[in-house]
């Protein structure tokens, strides 16, 4: 397994994060919530996308759902011209 890609929240566009996880890499996002730093692991098993947070495991059935989660949670930025 490839080493995880470690990023700070907002460092990459959502599509770049999706591309990395669809290529089999785990993406570890460092984010700050209410002054505390946390790591979230984003991954894909070939059929389901996962956001593994310190308190919960989120499942997404499509790339569109995962992209929306990545953007809404601030893990990745919106791609130019992206309206999904």
N, C-alpha and C. Protein backbone atom coordinates (compact mmCIF):
# COMPACT_ATOMS: atom_id res chain seq x y z
N UNK A 1 0.84 -1.18 0.00
CA UNK A 1 0.00 0.00 0.00
C UNK A 1 0.89 1.24 0.00
N UNK A 2 0.47 2.22 -0.79
CA UNK A 2 1.22 3.47 -0.87
C UNK A 2 1.10 4.24 0.44
N UNK A 3 2.12 5.04 0.72
CA UNK A 3 2.06 5.90 1.89
C UNK A 3 0.88 6.85 1.76
N UNK A 4 0.24 7.18 2.87
CA UNK A 4 -0.88 8.13 2.79
C UNK A 4 -0.39 9.51 2.36
N UNK A 5 -1.26 10.20 1.67
CA UNK A 5 -1.01 11.58 1.29
C UNK A 5 -1.50 12.43 2.45
N UNK A 6 -0.62 13.21 3.06
CA UNK A 6 -0.97 14.04 4.22
C UNK A 6 -1.08 15.49 3.77
N UNK A 7 -2.24 16.09 4.07
CA UNK A 7 -2.49 17.47 3.68
C UNK A 7 -3.17 18.22 4.83
N UNK A 8 -3.14 19.54 4.75
CA UNK A 8 -3.91 20.40 5.64
C UNK A 8 -5.25 20.67 4.94
N UNK A 9 -6.31 20.82 5.70
CA UNK A 9 -7.62 21.11 5.13
C UNK A 9 -7.52 22.33 4.22
N UNK A 10 -8.06 22.21 3.00
CA UNK A 10 -8.05 23.31 2.04
C UNK A 10 -6.83 23.38 1.16
N UNK A 11 -5.85 22.49 1.34
CA UNK A 11 -4.63 22.52 0.53
C UNK A 11 -4.87 22.11 -0.93
N UNK A 12 -5.79 21.17 -1.15
CA UNK A 12 -6.04 20.65 -2.49
C UNK A 12 -7.50 20.85 -2.88
N UNK A 13 -7.75 20.82 -4.18
CA UNK A 13 -9.12 20.84 -4.66
C UNK A 13 -9.76 19.49 -4.39
N UNK A 14 -11.07 19.47 -4.24
CA UNK A 14 -11.80 18.23 -3.98
C UNK A 14 -11.52 17.18 -5.05
N UNK A 15 -11.43 17.58 -6.31
CA UNK A 15 -11.18 16.62 -7.39
C UNK A 15 -9.80 15.97 -7.26
N UNK A 16 -8.81 16.72 -6.81
CA UNK A 16 -7.46 16.15 -6.62
C UNK A 16 -7.47 15.13 -5.48
N UNK A 17 -8.24 15.40 -4.44
CA UNK A 17 -8.36 14.45 -3.34
C UNK A 17 -9.06 13.19 -3.83
N UNK A 18 -10.15 13.35 -4.57
CA UNK A 18 -10.86 12.20 -5.12
C UNK A 18 -9.96 11.37 -6.02
N UNK A 19 -9.18 12.02 -6.86
CA UNK A 19 -8.27 11.31 -7.75
C UNK A 19 -7.27 10.47 -6.94
N UNK A 20 -6.74 11.04 -5.88
CA UNK A 20 -5.76 10.32 -5.06
C UNK A 20 -6.40 9.09 -4.40
N UNK A 21 -7.60 9.25 -3.84
CA UNK A 21 -8.21 8.10 -3.16
C UNK A 21 -8.68 7.05 -4.16
N UNK A 22 -9.11 7.47 -5.35
CA UNK A 22 -9.51 6.51 -6.38
C UNK A 22 -8.31 5.76 -6.94
N UNK A 23 -7.12 6.34 -6.80
CA UNK A 23 -5.88 5.67 -7.20
C UNK A 23 -5.37 4.73 -6.12
N UNK A 24 -6.11 4.62 -5.01
CA UNK A 24 -5.74 3.69 -3.96
C UNK A 24 -5.00 4.27 -2.78
N UNK A 25 -4.79 5.57 -2.78
CA UNK A 25 -4.11 6.20 -1.64
C UNK A 25 -5.11 6.63 -0.60
N UNK A 26 -4.70 6.58 0.64
CA UNK A 26 -5.47 7.19 1.72
C UNK A 26 -5.00 8.64 1.80
N UNK A 27 -5.94 9.53 2.03
CA UNK A 27 -5.61 10.94 2.19
C UNK A 27 -5.92 11.29 3.64
N UNK A 28 -4.90 11.72 4.37
CA UNK A 28 -5.06 12.11 5.77
C UNK A 28 -5.08 13.64 5.81
N UNK A 29 -6.21 14.18 6.23
CA UNK A 29 -6.42 15.62 6.27
C UNK A 29 -6.34 16.09 7.71
N UNK A 30 -5.47 17.05 7.96
CA UNK A 30 -5.40 17.67 9.29
C UNK A 30 -6.32 18.88 9.27
N UNK A 31 -7.22 18.91 10.24
CA UNK A 31 -8.20 19.99 10.32
C UNK A 31 -8.30 20.47 11.76
N UNK A 32 -8.71 21.70 11.94
CA UNK A 32 -8.88 22.26 13.28
C UNK A 32 -10.35 22.57 13.50
N UNK A 33 -10.89 22.02 14.60
CA UNK A 33 -12.28 22.25 14.96
C UNK A 33 -12.33 22.73 16.40
N UNK A 34 -12.90 23.89 16.61
CA UNK A 34 -13.01 24.49 17.95
C UNK A 34 -11.66 24.53 18.67
N UNK A 35 -10.62 24.85 17.92
CA UNK A 35 -9.29 25.00 18.48
C UNK A 35 -8.51 23.71 18.65
N UNK A 36 -9.13 22.56 18.37
CA UNK A 36 -8.43 21.28 18.49
C UNK A 36 -8.09 20.74 17.10
N UNK A 37 -6.88 20.23 16.96
CA UNK A 37 -6.44 19.65 15.69
C UNK A 37 -6.84 18.18 15.63
N UNK A 38 -7.38 17.77 14.48
CA UNK A 38 -7.81 16.39 14.27
C UNK A 38 -7.33 15.91 12.91
N UNK A 39 -7.23 14.59 12.76
CA UNK A 39 -6.93 13.99 11.47
C UNK A 39 -8.14 13.21 11.00
N UNK A 40 -8.45 13.37 9.73
CA UNK A 40 -9.54 12.65 9.08
C UNK A 40 -8.91 11.86 7.94
N UNK A 41 -9.26 10.59 7.83
CA UNK A 41 -8.73 9.76 6.76
C UNK A 41 -9.81 9.54 5.72
N UNK A 42 -9.49 9.87 4.47
CA UNK A 42 -10.40 9.69 3.35
C UNK A 42 -9.87 8.52 2.53
N UNK A 43 -10.78 7.59 2.15
CA UNK A 43 -10.34 6.41 1.39
C UNK A 43 -11.48 5.86 0.55
N UNK A 44 -11.11 4.95 -0.34
CA UNK A 44 -12.04 4.34 -1.28
C UNK A 44 -11.68 2.88 -1.41
N UNK A 45 -12.66 1.98 -1.28
CA UNK A 45 -12.36 0.55 -1.37
C UNK A 45 -12.71 -0.06 -2.72
N UNK A 46 -13.02 0.78 -3.70
CA UNK A 46 -13.39 0.31 -5.02
C UNK A 46 -14.89 0.37 -5.27
N UNK A 47 -15.67 0.50 -4.19
CA UNK A 47 -17.11 0.64 -4.37
C UNK A 47 -17.72 1.66 -3.40
N UNK A 48 -17.10 1.87 -2.25
CA UNK A 48 -17.62 2.80 -1.25
C UNK A 48 -16.51 3.76 -0.83
N UNK A 49 -16.88 5.03 -0.69
CA UNK A 49 -15.96 6.07 -0.21
C UNK A 49 -16.17 6.23 1.29
N UNK A 50 -15.06 6.48 2.02
CA UNK A 50 -15.13 6.60 3.47
C UNK A 50 -14.44 7.88 3.94
N UNK A 51 -15.05 8.52 4.97
CA UNK A 51 -14.45 9.62 5.73
C UNK A 51 -14.36 9.11 7.16
N UNK A 52 -13.17 8.79 7.60
CA UNK A 52 -12.97 8.25 8.94
C UNK A 52 -12.52 9.39 9.85
N UNK A 53 -13.47 9.91 10.65
CA UNK A 53 -13.19 11.03 11.55
C UNK A 53 -12.90 10.48 12.94
N UNK A 54 -12.43 11.32 13.86
CA UNK A 54 -12.17 10.83 15.22
C UNK A 54 -13.41 10.30 15.93
N UNK A 55 -14.60 10.70 15.49
CA UNK A 55 -15.81 10.28 16.19
C UNK A 55 -16.77 9.44 15.35
N UNK A 56 -16.55 9.37 14.05
CA UNK A 56 -17.53 8.71 13.20
C UNK A 56 -16.94 8.27 11.88
N UNK A 57 -17.47 7.18 11.32
CA UNK A 57 -17.10 6.72 9.99
C UNK A 57 -18.27 7.03 9.05
N UNK A 58 -18.03 7.94 8.09
CA UNK A 58 -19.05 8.30 7.11
C UNK A 58 -18.84 7.44 5.87
N UNK A 59 -19.93 6.99 5.26
CA UNK A 59 -19.88 6.22 4.02
C UNK A 59 -20.59 7.00 2.92
N UNK A 60 -20.01 6.96 1.73
CA UNK A 60 -20.62 7.62 0.57
C UNK A 60 -20.62 6.64 -0.58
N UNK A 61 -21.75 6.56 -1.27
CA UNK A 61 -21.92 5.56 -2.33
C UNK A 61 -21.44 6.03 -3.70
N UNK A 62 -21.18 7.32 -3.86
CA UNK A 62 -20.76 7.82 -5.18
C UNK A 62 -19.69 8.89 -5.03
N UNK A 63 -18.97 9.11 -6.12
CA UNK A 63 -17.95 10.16 -6.14
C UNK A 63 -18.59 11.52 -5.91
N UNK A 64 -19.78 11.71 -6.42
CA UNK A 64 -20.48 13.00 -6.24
C UNK A 64 -20.76 13.25 -4.76
N UNK A 65 -21.25 12.23 -4.03
CA UNK A 65 -21.50 12.36 -2.60
C UNK A 65 -20.21 12.66 -1.85
N UNK A 66 -19.14 11.97 -2.23
CA UNK A 66 -17.85 12.17 -1.56
C UNK A 66 -17.32 13.57 -1.82
N UNK A 67 -17.42 14.04 -3.06
CA UNK A 67 -16.97 15.39 -3.41
C UNK A 67 -17.73 16.43 -2.58
N UNK A 68 -19.04 16.24 -2.46
CA UNK A 68 -19.86 17.15 -1.67
C UNK A 68 -19.42 17.17 -0.21
N UNK A 69 -19.14 16.00 0.35
CA UNK A 69 -18.67 15.91 1.73
C UNK A 69 -17.33 16.63 1.90
N UNK A 70 -16.41 16.37 0.99
CA UNK A 70 -15.08 16.99 1.05
C UNK A 70 -15.21 18.51 1.03
N UNK A 71 -16.06 19.03 0.16
CA UNK A 71 -16.25 20.48 0.08
C UNK A 71 -16.97 21.03 1.30
N UNK A 72 -18.06 20.37 1.71
CA UNK A 72 -18.85 20.87 2.85
C UNK A 72 -18.06 20.87 4.15
N UNK A 73 -17.21 19.90 4.33
CA UNK A 73 -16.42 19.80 5.56
C UNK A 73 -15.14 20.65 5.50
N UNK A 74 -14.85 21.22 4.33
CA UNK A 74 -13.68 22.08 4.19
C UNK A 74 -12.37 21.33 3.99
N UNK A 75 -12.44 20.02 3.70
CA UNK A 75 -11.22 19.23 3.50
C UNK A 75 -10.52 19.62 2.21
N UNK A 76 -11.32 19.99 1.20
CA UNK A 76 -10.76 20.39 -0.10
C UNK A 76 -11.50 21.60 -0.62
N UNK A 77 -10.88 22.28 -1.55
CA UNK A 77 -11.48 23.47 -2.13
C UNK A 77 -12.31 23.10 -3.36
N UNK A 78 -13.10 24.02 -3.82
CA UNK A 78 -13.93 23.83 -5.00
C UNK A 78 -13.08 24.04 -6.23
N UNK A 79 -13.21 23.13 -7.19
CA UNK A 79 -12.51 23.26 -8.46
C UNK A 79 -13.14 24.40 -9.25
N UNK A 80 -12.33 25.11 -10.04
CA UNK A 80 -12.84 26.18 -10.87
C UNK A 80 -13.84 25.59 -11.87
N UNK A 81 -15.02 26.17 -11.94
CA UNK A 81 -16.04 25.71 -12.86
C UNK A 81 -16.83 24.52 -12.33
N UNK A 82 -16.57 24.08 -11.12
CA UNK A 82 -17.27 22.94 -10.52
C UNK A 82 -18.60 23.41 -9.97
N UNK A 83 -19.70 22.83 -10.46
CA UNK A 83 -21.01 23.21 -9.95
C UNK A 83 -21.74 22.04 -9.30
N UNK A 84 -21.03 20.97 -8.99
CA UNK A 84 -21.66 19.81 -8.36
C UNK A 84 -21.55 19.86 -6.87
